[in-house]
Amino acid sequence: MAEKDLRPPIGGEGAGYLLEFQESGVYITIFPESNGILFELSDIRQILQESGVVDYDVVSLARIVRESAGEPQKLADSFLSEEEMKALLAAGDKPAEGENPEEAASEEEDDLSGTPAEIIVEISRDRMQATVRFDTRKGTGLRTANDIQDALTAKKVVFGIDMEAIKKGCKGLNPFVAATGIQPQHGENATIERKFDLGVKGRPVVDKYDRVDYKNLNLFVLVKKGDVLAVRIPQTQGIPGKNVLGAEVMARNGRPLPLPVGKGTAAQGENTVIAAIDGQIVDSKSKISVDPHLVIKSSVGVGTGNIDFDGSVEIKGNVEAGFVVKATGVIEIGGVVSGGDVHGRSVFVSGGVNGMGRGKVVAEEDVRVCFAENASIEAGQDIYISDVALHSNLKAGKHIYVEDKRGQITGGMAAAGEEIKANVIGNQACVVTTLAVGIDPTLQSRYTQICNEHKETKKRLTQITQMLNTLAKIDVSNLPPQRVEQINSLTRSQFPLAGKLKRQEAEIAAMNEELSHMKNGKVSAASIIYPGVRVSINSLKKSIQSELQRCTLLVQEDEVVVGLYDG
């Protein structure tokens, strides 16, 4: 076709029809009756004539109007240009004598509509829905509700049949959902509803005047005997469904959960956990426990003696020189540790630690203190020091933070598995201060210890083996009974030693694997690092020769470099 073919579309969804003029021909779209516009064949033919579309199949047009599918369908190969339309009108274009196009189209349409459309029943993959469609290629006649019900029966659709949808669907040839099954309702899993909030732990107490008491860090969530700690909401049973073929669809039942009863708690009825003793809540997710909570209103010293407690300990005063406090839970000390030994899951000291060259604080998790002076502090995870660390030995599995107030590390040694952060490291007097990161010092210490033990075990086993080899050459029948028993005892002792050696070798291998995967560590100073500081990162060493302002030391390309502060 020529350039005349480039004509804009006529109509649209709002008009109920759309004529599109393309290079491949004329396409017509009749939108469904839901648009509120109903067309007779004569209406569309009038529109086509006014648009210059005169050469088309009337029967095809009748089918397109009846289906109202809302999709474009080709009607003609060409159309008249504006000049051709004017010429045709001037010539007085009329139907040929004896020919009535409307009647002819109506007759052909009636012939087609006399044959009912074929019913197609489609069942969804999950068999939860049956959809009725009509094949109009052989006929466009409407079907009755009984016809559709018979088609459903033939497809064995017997459940969830929607008669209203069927009656409405009989009025046209548009597809519709004729039957819908009932989906199964799966049961809910059992859940545990905790009646406490461990999120408040570690937050400073705020009084009624909104003043924050940083000396009271609210480290314990305490309960009384008989308090309800958790309630189990039981699982529910599933409710089966049914598909359109009448078959039952099974539902999943909810999964049960055991009551999280731990040490110091008890079950009340079938679904409630209560505290069996007064104490501190310890929640390991699978178990809720209550540790006994010991409160010492004075200092630990001559008046109390050493403390060894299975639970958490709160000391209002100090821990004096030479005295020991051990606990399986959290230890909170309101005063200072002056040359005493403290061992707990976590240790919090409102004052500080003055080791006096002999005191030691050890925690499986975290240690928080105000200051450390000539102290030895070890933590499985993190060490927090709010003021200064002077000439102390600090070891943390992950981090050491000395950032509040002065935030200074001077003298001594600090080692952390991942990072050390402070405001100031070293001092103007260039006191030697040693920092090491990148290897968990606790793990490294255990590794060294187990290697030494392995060496001694192997040496002892070798000695026994050599002695037994020598004694094997002697005729034991000539030896006194006492000597024979010594040889038998020596023989028996080699077996437990061999087992011990094997276990030590396995532990060393596991530690080697863990040490090989340690992350690259870093050292950060928010203010300054003075000369005299010696840094080791993943066994790579660097001595600071001049002042470094606001920086981070890290490893790049097997070298300790100075980068920008990333705190």
Protein backbone atom coordinates (compact mmCIF):
# COMPACT_ATOMS: atom_id res chain seq x y z
CA MET A 1 0.00 0.00 0.00
CA ALA A 2 1.04 3.60 -0.59
CA GLU A 3 1.67 6.44 1.82
CA LYS A 4 -2.11 6.88 2.14
CA ASP A 5 -2.07 3.91 4.46
CA LEU A 6 -0.47 5.89 7.22
CA ARG A 7 -3.74 6.89 8.89
CA PRO A 8 -4.26 7.31 12.68
CA PRO A 9 -6.51 4.80 14.50
CA ILE A 10 -10.24 5.54 14.86
CA GLY A 11 -12.19 4.89 18.10
CA GLY A 12 -10.80 3.44 21.31
CA GLU A 13 -11.78 1.44 24.40
CA GLY A 14 -14.03 4.26 25.57
CA ALA A 15 -15.91 4.17 22.24
CA GLY A 16 -16.26 0.41 22.41
CA TYR A 17 -14.41 -0.23 19.12
CA LEU A 18 -10.99 0.47 17.59
CA LEU A 19 -10.00 0.61 13.89
CA GLU A 20 -6.26 0.39 13.16
CA PHE A 21 -4.78 1.04 9.71
CA GLN A 22 -1.51 -0.83 9.28
CA GLU A 23 0.71 -1.82 6.34
CA SER A 24 -0.61 -5.39 6.58
CA GLY A 25 -4.28 -4.32 6.48
CA VAL A 26 -7.19 -3.03 8.56
CA TYR A 27 -7.62 -4.42 12.08
CA ILE A 28 -10.76 -4.07 14.20
CA THR A 29 -11.19 -4.53 17.95
CA ILE A 30 -14.64 -4.85 19.55
CA PHE A 31 -14.40 -4.44 23.31
CA PRO A 32 -16.52 -6.60 25.67
CA GLU A 33 -20.00 -5.52 26.73
CA SER A 34 -18.59 -4.64 30.19
CA ASN A 35 -17.65 -1.29 28.65
CA GLY A 36 -21.35 -0.49 28.60
CA ILE A 37 -21.63 -0.12 24.77
CA LEU A 38 -23.56 -2.64 22.65
CA PHE A 39 -23.11 -2.73 18.87
CA GLU A 40 -25.36 -3.99 16.10
CA LEU A 41 -23.77 -5.18 12.90
CA SER A 42 -25.27 -2.26 11.02
CA ASP A 43 -23.59 0.22 13.39
CA ILE A 44 -20.14 -1.16 12.68
CA ARG A 45 -20.78 -1.38 8.94
CA GLN A 46 -21.72 2.31 8.92
CA ILE A 47 -18.49 3.18 10.77
CA LEU A 48 -16.45 1.11 8.31
CA GLN A 49 -18.05 2.76 5.29
CA GLU A 50 -17.35 6.22 6.68
CA SER A 51 -13.73 5.15 7.29
CA GLY A 52 -13.22 3.95 3.70
CA VAL A 53 -13.24 0.21 4.52
CA VAL A 54 -15.52 -1.39 1.94
CA ASP A 55 -13.82 -4.61 0.87
CA TYR A 56 -14.24 -7.10 3.75
CA ASP A 57 -16.02 -10.34 4.70
CA VAL A 58 -19.37 -9.55 6.34
CA VAL A 59 -19.57 -12.98 7.99
CA SER A 60 -16.19 -12.46 9.65
CA LEU A 61 -17.34 -9.05 10.83
CA ALA A 62 -20.52 -10.58 12.31
CA ARG A 63 -18.45 -13.11 14.21
CA ILE A 64 -16.06 -10.44 15.55
CA VAL A 65 -18.96 -8.26 16.74
CA ARG A 66 -20.66 -11.19 18.46
CA GLU A 67 -17.52 -12.39 20.26
CA SER A 68 -16.49 -8.89 21.45
CA ALA A 69 -13.14 -10.44 22.50
CA GLY A 70 -11.33 -7.15 23.07
CA GLU A 71 -8.47 -8.26 20.78
CA PRO A 72 -7.51 -6.86 17.33
CA GLN A 73 -8.52 -9.05 14.37
CA LYS A 74 -7.75 -8.47 10.71
CA LEU A 75 -10.83 -7.48 8.67
CA ALA A 76 -9.57 -6.16 5.31
CA ASP A 77 -6.39 -5.93 3.24
CA SER A 78 -6.92 -2.31 2.11
CA PHE A 79 -9.06 0.80 2.47
CA LEU A 80 -9.95 3.86 0.38
CA SER A 81 -7.98 7.08 0.45
CA GLU A 82 -9.79 10.36 1.06
CA GLU A 83 -9.75 11.17 -2.71
CA GLU A 84 -11.20 7.74 -3.52
CA MET A 85 -13.93 8.19 -0.93
CA LYS A 86 -14.90 11.61 -2.36
CA ALA A 87 -14.99 10.20 -5.86
CA LEU A 88 -17.16 7.31 -4.73
CA LEU A 89 -19.63 9.62 -3.01
CA ALA A 90 -19.75 11.91 -6.06
CA ALA A 91 -20.57 8.94 -8.24
CA GLY A 92 -23.42 8.03 -5.85
CA ASP A 93 -22.18 4.58 -4.76
CA LYS A 94 -25.16 2.28 -4.30
CA PRO A 95 -25.60 -1.43 -3.93
CA ALA A 96 -26.03 -3.43 -7.09
CA GLU A 97 -29.57 -3.97 -8.26
CA GLY A 98 -31.29 -6.74 -6.39
CA GLU A 99 -28.54 -6.89 -3.78
CA ASN A 100 -29.11 -5.94 -0.11
CA PRO A 101 -25.74 -6.21 1.82
CA GLU A 102 -27.40 -5.92 5.22
CA GLU A 103 -29.79 -8.73 4.48
CA ALA A 104 -26.99 -10.87 3.02
CA ALA A 105 -24.81 -10.34 6.02
CA SER A 106 -27.73 -10.99 8.33
CA GLU A 107 -28.51 -14.25 6.51
CA GLU A 108 -24.89 -15.45 6.72
CA GLU A 109 -24.71 -14.39 10.35
CA ASP A 110 -27.91 -16.28 11.11
CA ASP A 111 -26.46 -19.35 9.41
CA LEU A 112 -23.37 -19.18 11.62
CA SER A 113 -25.29 -18.37 14.78
CA GLY A 114 -27.56 -21.30 14.18
CA THR A 115 -24.75 -23.69 15.07
CA PRO A 116 -23.96 -23.59 18.82
CA ALA A 117 -20.39 -22.87 19.91
CA GLU A 118 -18.36 -25.80 21.24
CA ILE A 119 -17.92 -25.91 25.05
CA ILE A 120 -14.38 -26.43 26.35
CA VAL A 121 -13.84 -27.15 30.07
CA GLU A 122 -10.32 -26.43 31.36
CA ILE A 123 -9.28 -27.71 34.81
CA SER A 124 -6.37 -25.99 36.57
CA ARG A 125 -3.24 -27.95 37.43
CA ASP A 126 -4.11 -28.01 41.14
CA ARG A 127 -7.70 -29.04 40.24
CA MET A 128 -9.06 -26.15 42.24
CA GLN A 129 -10.73 -24.32 39.35
CA ALA A 130 -12.77 -25.24 36.28
CA THR A 131 -13.00 -22.63 33.48
CA VAL A 132 -15.50 -22.75 30.62
CA ARG A 133 -14.43 -21.45 27.21
CA PHE A 134 -16.24 -21.42 23.85
CA ASP A 135 -14.78 -22.47 20.49
CA THR A 136 -16.51 -20.28 17.86
CA ARG A 137 -14.69 -21.63 14.84
CA LYS A 138 -17.59 -23.95 13.95
CA GLY A 139 -20.46 -21.93 15.36
CA THR A 140 -21.39 -18.88 17.39
CA GLY A 141 -24.68 -19.95 18.87
CA LEU A 142 -25.22 -19.54 22.61
CA ARG A 143 -25.33 -22.54 24.92
CA THR A 144 -27.77 -23.26 27.75
CA ALA A 145 -26.98 -23.77 31.43
CA ASN A 146 -27.84 -27.45 31.03
CA ASP A 147 -25.33 -27.75 28.17
CA ILE A 148 -22.59 -26.30 30.38
CA GLN A 149 -23.55 -28.53 33.32
CA ASP A 150 -23.39 -31.58 31.05
CA ALA A 151 -19.92 -30.50 29.86
CA LEU A 152 -18.76 -30.14 33.48
CA THR A 153 -20.13 -33.55 34.35
CA ALA A 154 -18.33 -35.06 31.38
CA LYS A 155 -15.09 -33.65 32.80
CA LYS A 156 -16.01 -35.11 36.25
CA VAL A 157 -16.42 -31.64 37.79
CA VAL A 158 -18.83 -32.24 40.65
CA PHE A 159 -17.87 -29.81 43.44
CA GLY A 160 -17.93 -26.02 43.87
CA ILE A 161 -20.14 -25.41 40.82
CA ASP A 162 -21.25 -21.76 40.59
CA MET A 163 -24.75 -21.70 39.07
CA GLU A 164 -24.91 -17.91 39.05
CA ALA A 165 -21.71 -17.75 37.01
CA ILE A 166 -23.08 -20.38 34.62
CA LYS A 167 -26.35 -18.49 34.08
CA LYS A 168 -24.47 -15.28 33.41
CA GLY A 169 -21.96 -17.05 31.14
CA CYS A 170 -24.79 -18.42 28.97
CA LYS A 171 -25.61 -14.89 27.80
CA GLY A 172 -22.35 -14.53 25.88
CA LEU A 173 -19.35 -16.39 24.56
CA ASN A 174 -16.74 -15.04 26.95
CA PRO A 175 -14.78 -17.49 29.17
CA PHE A 176 -15.76 -17.72 32.84
CA VAL A 177 -14.95 -19.70 35.99
CA ALA A 178 -17.71 -22.27 36.50
CA ALA A 179 -16.44 -24.12 39.59
CA THR A 180 -14.02 -23.38 42.41
CA GLY A 181 -12.72 -25.81 45.03
CA ILE A 182 -12.06 -25.13 48.71
CA GLN A 183 -8.38 -24.61 49.54
CA PRO A 184 -7.02 -26.54 52.55
CA GLN A 185 -6.22 -24.49 55.65
CA HIS A 186 -2.78 -25.49 56.93
CA GLY A 187 -2.27 -25.61 60.68
CA GLU A 188 -0.23 -22.96 62.53
CA ASN A 189 3.07 -23.99 64.11
CA ALA A 190 3.39 -23.80 67.87
CA THR A 191 5.09 -20.63 69.17
CA ILE A 192 6.68 -19.55 72.44
CA GLU A 193 5.56 -16.20 73.80
CA ARG A 194 8.19 -14.84 76.19
CA LYS A 195 6.94 -12.70 79.05
CA PHE A 196 10.22 -10.83 79.52
CA ASP A 197 12.41 -8.48 77.47
CA LEU A 198 16.16 -9.01 77.59
CA GLY A 199 16.54 -6.00 75.28
CA VAL A 200 16.43 -3.67 78.30
CA LYS A 201 19.54 -5.34 79.74
CA GLY A 202 22.59 -3.11 79.59
CA ARG A 203 20.62 0.14 79.22
CA PRO A 204 21.29 2.74 81.90
CA VAL A 205 18.44 3.24 84.37
CA VAL A 206 16.38 6.42 83.87
CA ASP A 207 14.72 7.82 87.01
CA LYS A 208 11.38 9.60 87.25
CA TYR A 209 13.09 12.93 86.52
CA ASP A 210 14.50 11.51 83.22
CA ARG A 211 17.99 11.53 84.66
CA VAL A 212 20.26 8.75 83.36
CA ASP A 213 22.16 6.78 86.01
CA TYR A 214 25.23 5.45 84.22
CA LYS A 215 26.36 3.69 87.39
CA ASN A 216 23.31 1.46 87.21
CA LEU A 217 23.53 -0.28 83.86
CA ASN A 218 20.54 -2.53 84.52
CA LEU A 219 22.66 -5.60 83.82
CA PHE A 220 20.24 -8.18 85.20
CA VAL A 221 16.67 -9.09 84.31
CA LEU A 222 15.55 -10.50 87.64
CA VAL A 223 12.49 -12.61 88.43
CA LYS A 224 10.88 -14.04 91.54
CA LYS A 225 9.97 -17.67 92.15
CA GLY A 226 6.60 -18.41 90.51
CA ASP A 227 6.81 -15.63 87.89
CA VAL A 228 5.52 -16.66 84.47
CA LEU A 229 8.42 -16.60 81.99
CA ALA A 230 6.88 -17.99 78.81
CA VAL A 231 3.64 -19.39 77.42
CA ARG A 232 3.43 -21.90 74.60
CA ILE A 233 0.70 -21.31 72.03
CA PRO A 234 0.01 -24.86 70.80
CA GLN A 235 0.03 -25.86 67.16
CA THR A 236 -3.29 -26.14 65.34
CA GLN A 237 -4.64 -28.93 63.16
CA GLY A 238 -5.08 -28.33 59.44
CA ILE A 239 -8.54 -28.30 57.82
CA PRO A 240 -8.72 -30.38 54.59
CA GLY A 241 -10.00 -28.80 51.38
CA LYS A 242 -11.78 -30.24 48.35
CA ASN A 243 -11.05 -29.82 44.64
CA VAL A 244 -13.57 -29.45 41.83
CA LEU A 245 -13.38 -33.20 41.15
CA GLY A 246 -14.71 -33.84 44.67
CA ALA A 247 -11.43 -35.24 46.03
CA GLU A 248 -10.23 -34.24 49.50
CA VAL A 249 -7.06 -32.13 49.59
CA MET A 250 -4.98 -32.84 52.67
CA ALA A 251 -3.78 -30.00 54.91
CA ARG A 252 -0.53 -29.81 56.90
CA ASN A 253 -0.79 -29.87 60.67
CA GLY A 254 1.23 -27.30 62.61
CA ARG A 255 4.57 -28.40 64.06
CA PRO A 256 4.83 -28.72 67.85
CA LEU A 257 7.51 -27.07 70.01
CA PRO A 258 8.90 -28.36 73.29
CA LEU A 259 8.57 -26.16 76.35
CA PRO A 260 11.87 -24.28 76.84
CA VAL A 261 12.29 -25.44 80.44
CA GLY A 262 15.87 -25.00 81.62
CA LYS A 263 17.78 -24.86 84.86
CA GLY A 264 15.92 -22.98 87.59
CA THR A 265 12.56 -23.10 85.75
CA ALA A 266 9.61 -25.49 85.76
CA ALA A 267 6.54 -26.34 83.70
CA GLN A 268 3.16 -25.25 85.03
CA GLY A 269 0.43 -27.16 83.27
CA GLU A 270 1.04 -28.08 79.65
CA ASN A 271 1.98 -24.72 78.17
CA THR A 272 3.51 -22.43 80.81
CA VAL A 273 7.09 -21.97 82.02
CA ILE A 274 7.61 -20.41 85.45
CA ALA A 275 10.63 -19.48 87.56
CA ALA A 276 11.42 -22.17 90.13
CA ILE A 277 13.81 -19.88 92.03
CA ASP A 278 14.60 -16.20 92.44
CA GLY A 279 17.35 -15.07 90.11
CA GLN A 280 18.49 -13.77 86.74
CA ILE A 281 16.96 -14.85 83.41
CA VAL A 282 19.31 -16.59 80.97
CA ASP A 283 17.72 -17.24 77.56
CA SER A 284 19.52 -19.55 75.13
CA LYS A 285 16.53 -19.61 72.70
CA SER A 286 15.96 -23.36 73.12
CA LYS A 287 16.02 -23.14 76.94
CA ILE A 288 14.97 -20.48 79.43
CA SER A 289 16.89 -20.73 82.69
CA VAL A 290 17.07 -18.79 85.92
CA ASP A 291 20.46 -18.40 87.53
CA PRO A 292 20.51 -17.71 91.24
CA HIS A 293 21.38 -14.07 91.93
CA LEU A 294 23.71 -13.35 94.84
CA VAL A 295 23.83 -9.80 96.21
CA ILE A 296 26.76 -8.79 98.46
CA LYS A 297 26.02 -5.40 99.99
CA SER A 298 29.61 -4.83 101.10
CA SER A 299 33.06 -5.40 99.60
CA VAL A 300 34.56 -8.82 99.04
CA GLY A 301 37.35 -9.07 101.57
CA VAL A 302 38.06 -10.37 105.04
CA GLY A 303 34.40 -10.05 106.02
CA THR A 304 33.12 -12.28 103.19
CA GLY A 305 36.06 -14.40 102.10
CA ASN A 306 36.29 -15.68 98.52
CA ILE A 307 33.11 -16.06 96.46
CA ASP A 308 32.47 -19.11 94.27
CA PHE A 309 28.83 -19.04 93.10
CA ASP A 310 26.74 -20.95 90.56
CA GLY A 311 24.80 -18.01 89.13
CA SER A 312 25.15 -14.22 88.88
CA VAL A 313 26.78 -12.04 91.53
CA GLU A 314 26.20 -8.38 92.36
CA ILE A 315 28.80 -6.76 94.64
CA LYS A 316 27.96 -3.31 95.96
CA GLY A 317 31.53 -2.57 97.10
CA ASN A 318 35.04 -3.51 95.98
CA VAL A 319 37.01 -6.70 95.44
CA GLU A 320 40.05 -6.35 97.69
CA ALA A 321 43.59 -7.57 97.06
CA GLY A 322 44.14 -11.29 97.30
CA PHE A 323 40.44 -12.26 97.19
CA VAL A 324 38.72 -14.25 94.45
CA VAL A 325 35.24 -13.94 92.96
CA LYS A 326 34.08 -16.71 90.62
CA ALA A 327 30.60 -17.09 89.11
CA THR A 328 28.96 -18.96 86.23
CA GLY A 329 26.85 -15.90 85.40
CA VAL A 330 27.36 -12.14 85.14
CA ILE A 331 29.42 -10.39 87.82
CA GLU A 332 28.63 -6.73 88.54
CA ILE A 333 30.95 -4.79 90.84
CA GLY A 334 29.89 -1.38 92.10
CA GLY A 335 33.37 -0.31 93.23
CA VAL A 336 36.85 -1.25 92.04
CA VAL A 337 38.94 -4.40 91.76
CA SER A 338 42.14 -3.80 93.73
CA GLY A 339 44.47 -6.73 93.21
CA GLY A 340 41.68 -9.30 93.32
CA ASP A 341 40.81 -12.08 90.88
CA VAL A 342 37.41 -12.04 89.15
CA HIS A 343 36.15 -14.80 86.82
CA GLY A 344 32.62 -14.80 85.29
CA ARG A 345 30.58 -15.11 82.09
CA SER A 346 30.71 -11.32 81.77
CA VAL A 347 32.27 -8.84 84.21
CA PHE A 348 31.15 -5.24 84.70
CA VAL A 349 33.08 -2.94 87.05
CA SER A 350 31.61 0.50 87.72
CA GLY A 351 34.99 1.72 88.98
CA GLY A 352 38.14 0.29 87.50
CA VAL A 353 40.73 -2.43 87.86
CA ASN A 354 43.94 -1.72 89.72
CA GLY A 355 45.77 -4.96 89.30
CA MET A 356 48.65 -4.04 91.61
CA GLY A 357 50.74 -6.45 89.56
CA ARG A 358 48.76 -9.53 90.62
CA GLY A 359 44.98 -9.06 90.11
CA LYS A 360 43.22 -10.51 87.08
CA VAL A 361 39.76 -10.14 85.46
CA VAL A 362 38.64 -12.95 83.12
CA ALA A 363 35.29 -13.23 81.28
CA GLU A 364 33.91 -15.74 78.78
CA GLU A 365 32.10 -12.91 76.98
CA ASP A 366 32.59 -9.16 77.71
CA VAL A 367 34.43 -7.00 80.24
CA ARG A 368 33.43 -3.39 80.95
CA VAL A 369 35.50 -1.23 83.30
CA CYS A 370 36.12 2.47 83.88
CA PHE A 371 39.92 2.23 83.90
CA ALA A 372 42.69 -0.36 83.99
CA GLU A 373 46.04 0.20 85.70
CA ASN A 374 48.72 -2.47 85.98
CA ALA A 375 45.87 -4.89 85.34
CA SER A 376 45.43 -8.15 83.47
CA ILE A 377 42.06 -8.39 81.66
CA GLU A 378 40.93 -11.19 79.34
CA ALA A 379 37.59 -11.44 77.48
CA GLY A 380 36.31 -14.06 75.07
CA GLN A 381 34.62 -11.32 73.04
CA ASP A 382 35.04 -7.58 73.77
CA ILE A 383 36.75 -5.31 76.31
CA TYR A 384 35.29 -1.83 76.93
CA ILE A 385 37.33 0.71 78.92
CA SER A 386 35.72 4.10 79.29
CA ASP A 387 38.74 6.13 80.46
CA VAL A 388 42.36 4.87 80.31
CA ALA A 389 44.38 1.67 80.18
CA LEU A 390 47.81 2.18 81.77
CA HIS A 391 50.58 -0.44 81.70
CA SER A 392 48.03 -3.24 81.50
CA ASN A 393 47.80 -6.57 79.73
CA LEU A 394 44.56 -6.68 77.69
CA LYS A 395 43.39 -9.67 75.63
CA ALA A 396 40.08 -9.84 73.74
CA GLY A 397 38.77 -12.43 71.31
CA LYS A 398 37.22 -9.73 69.08
CA HIS A 399 37.51 -6.02 70.02
CA ILE A 400 39.11 -3.63 72.49
CA TYR A 401 37.40 -0.23 72.76
CA VAL A 402 38.95 2.68 74.72
CA GLU A 403 37.05 5.64 73.30
CA ASP A 404 35.18 7.54 76.04
CA LYS A 405 36.59 10.37 78.17
CA ARG A 406 40.38 10.36 77.63
CA GLY A 407 40.23 7.02 75.82
CA GLN A 408 43.95 6.33 76.10
CA ILE A 409 46.09 3.17 75.91
CA THR A 410 49.58 3.76 77.29
CA GLY A 411 52.22 1.14 78.06
CA GLY A 412 51.68 -2.58 78.44
CA MET A 413 50.19 -4.82 75.78
CA ALA A 414 46.75 -4.99 74.11
CA ALA A 415 45.77 -7.86 71.81
CA ALA A 416 42.46 -8.41 69.99
CA GLY A 417 41.26 -10.87 67.39
CA GLU A 418 39.77 -8.20 65.11
CA GLU A 419 40.21 -4.57 66.15
CA ILE A 420 41.60 -2.12 68.71
CA LYS A 421 40.05 1.38 68.82
CA ALA A 422 41.13 4.24 71.08
CA ASN A 423 41.32 8.01 71.09
CA VAL A 424 45.02 8.10 71.99
CA ILE A 425 47.63 5.32 71.79
CA GLY A 426 50.98 5.79 73.57
CA ASN A 427 52.06 9.15 75.06
CA GLN A 428 54.44 12.05 74.52
CA ALA A 429 57.16 10.29 76.54
CA CYS A 430 57.22 7.56 73.86
CA VAL A 431 56.46 4.81 76.38
CA VAL A 432 56.59 1.42 74.67
CA THR A 433 53.05 0.30 73.97
CA THR A 434 52.50 -3.00 72.15
CA LEU A 435 49.35 -3.72 70.13
CA ALA A 436 48.50 -6.96 68.31
CA VAL A 437 45.42 -7.68 66.18
CA GLY A 438 44.33 -10.29 63.69
CA ILE A 439 44.74 -13.37 65.88
CA ASP A 440 42.50 -14.23 68.84
CA PRO A 441 44.95 -14.05 71.78
CA THR A 442 42.90 -16.51 73.83
CA LEU A 443 42.95 -18.99 70.97
CA GLN A 444 46.66 -18.35 70.43
CA SER A 445 47.37 -18.93 74.13
CA ARG A 446 45.42 -22.18 74.11
CA TYR A 447 47.19 -23.21 70.92
CA THR A 448 50.60 -22.66 72.52
CA GLN A 449 49.52 -24.55 75.63
CA ILE A 450 48.14 -27.55 73.76
CA CYS A 451 51.27 -27.68 71.55
CA ASN A 452 53.46 -27.84 74.66
CA GLU A 453 51.24 -30.51 76.20
CA HIS A 454 51.35 -32.49 72.96
CA LYS A 455 55.14 -32.29 72.94
CA GLU A 456 55.34 -33.61 76.52
CA THR A 457 52.83 -36.42 75.85
CA LYS A 458 54.68 -37.52 72.74
CA LYS A 459 58.00 -37.45 74.65
CA ARG A 460 56.56 -39.55 77.50
CA LEU A 461 55.02 -42.09 75.11
CA THR A 462 58.33 -42.42 73.24
CA GLN A 463 60.17 -43.08 76.52
CA ILE A 464 57.69 -45.79 77.54
CA THR A 465 57.89 -47.44 74.12
CA GLN A 466 61.69 -47.52 74.26
CA MET A 467 61.67 -48.97 77.79
CA LEU A 468 59.19 -51.69 76.81
CA ASN A 469 61.26 -52.56 73.74
CA THR A 470 64.32 -53.01 76.00
CA LEU A 471 62.40 -55.05 78.60
CA ALA A 472 61.02 -57.30 75.87
CA LYS A 473 64.49 -58.80 75.55
CA ILE A 474 64.53 -59.86 79.23
CA ASP A 475 63.09 -63.14 80.51
CA VAL A 476 60.47 -61.83 82.96
CA SER A 477 60.12 -65.27 84.56
CA ASN A 478 63.40 -64.66 86.37
CA LEU A 479 62.28 -61.26 87.73
CA PRO A 480 60.70 -60.73 91.15
CA PRO A 481 56.90 -60.17 91.26
CA GLN A 482 57.28 -56.50 92.16
CA ARG A 483 59.39 -55.88 89.07
CA VAL A 484 56.92 -57.78 86.85
CA GLU A 485 54.04 -55.62 88.15
CA GLN A 486 56.02 -52.47 87.31
CA ILE A 487 56.48 -53.72 83.73
CA ASN A 488 52.74 -54.54 83.44
CA SER A 489 51.83 -51.08 84.78
CA LEU A 490 54.18 -49.47 82.28
CA THR A 491 52.57 -51.48 79.47
CA ARG A 492 49.05 -50.43 80.49
CA SER A 493 50.02 -46.73 80.71
CA GLN A 494 50.93 -46.47 77.02
CA PHE A 495 47.33 -46.93 75.84
CA PRO A 496 45.73 -43.87 77.55
CA LEU A 497 48.77 -41.82 76.52
CA ALA A 498 48.27 -42.84 72.88
CA GLY A 499 44.59 -41.82 73.09
CA LYS A 500 45.53 -38.48 74.67
CA LEU A 501 48.09 -37.84 71.95
CA LYS A 502 45.47 -38.47 69.24
CA ARG A 503 42.99 -36.06 70.85
CA GLN A 504 45.66 -33.37 71.17
CA GLU A 505 46.60 -33.74 67.51
CA ALA A 506 42.93 -33.35 66.50
CA GLU A 507 42.59 -30.20 68.64
CA ILE A 508 45.78 -28.72 67.17
CA ALA A 509 44.50 -29.39 63.63
CA ALA A 510 41.18 -27.68 64.43
CA MET A 511 42.98 -24.66 65.91
CA ASN A 512 45.26 -24.42 62.89
CA GLU A 513 42.18 -24.32 60.67
CA GLU A 514 40.54 -21.62 62.82
CA LEU A 515 43.70 -19.51 62.99
CA SER A 516 44.11 -19.70 59.22
CA HIS A 517 40.68 -18.13 58.74
CA MET A 518 41.15 -15.21 61.12
CA LYS A 519 40.12 -11.87 59.61
CA ASN A 520 42.57 -9.12 58.87
CA GLY A 521 42.77 -6.94 61.96
CA LYS A 522 43.16 -3.18 62.27
CA VAL A 523 44.12 -0.51 64.80
CA SER A 524 42.31 2.84 64.85
CA ALA A 525 43.08 6.08 66.71
CA ALA A 526 40.50 8.86 66.72
CA SER A 527 43.11 11.39 67.84
CA ILE A 528 46.81 10.39 67.76
CA ILE A 529 49.31 7.54 67.84
CA TYR A 530 52.63 8.50 69.45
CA PRO A 531 56.10 7.17 68.64
CA GLY A 532 57.07 4.15 70.71
CA VAL A 533 53.95 2.23 69.74
CA ARG A 534 54.64 -1.19 68.25
CA VAL A 535 51.89 -2.70 66.11
CA SER A 536 51.49 -6.30 64.90
CA ILE A 537 48.70 -7.08 62.43
CA ASN A 538 48.40 -10.71 61.32
CA SER A 539 52.03 -11.23 62.39
CA LEU A 540 53.22 -8.27 60.27
CA LYS A 541 54.98 -5.72 62.46
CA LYS A 542 55.37 -1.93 62.35
CA SER A 543 57.04 0.47 64.80
CA ILE A 544 55.67 4.00 64.90
CA GLN A 545 58.52 6.51 64.48
CA SER A 546 56.53 9.77 64.28
CA GLU A 547 53.14 11.03 65.40
CA LEU A 548 50.15 9.80 63.38
CA GLN A 549 47.00 11.88 63.48
CA ARG A 550 43.51 10.35 63.24
CA CYS A 551 44.34 7.19 61.36
CA THR A 552 43.76 3.46 60.93
CA LEU A 553 46.54 0.89 60.58
CA LEU A 554 45.75 -2.14 58.44
CA VAL A 555 47.36 -4.67 56.10
CA GLN A 556 47.59 -4.11 52.36
CA GLU A 557 49.71 -6.27 50.07
CA ASP A 558 51.52 -7.94 52.99
CA GLU A 559 52.47 -4.64 54.59
CA VAL A 560 51.12 -2.61 57.51
CA VAL A 561 49.98 0.73 56.08
CA VAL A 562 48.50 3.92 57.51
CA GLY A 563 45.01 4.78 56.23
CA LEU A 564 42.30 7.29 57.00
CA TYR A 565 40.45 6.89 60.30
CA ASP A 566 37.32 4.82 59.64
CA GLY A 567 35.65 5.09 63.05
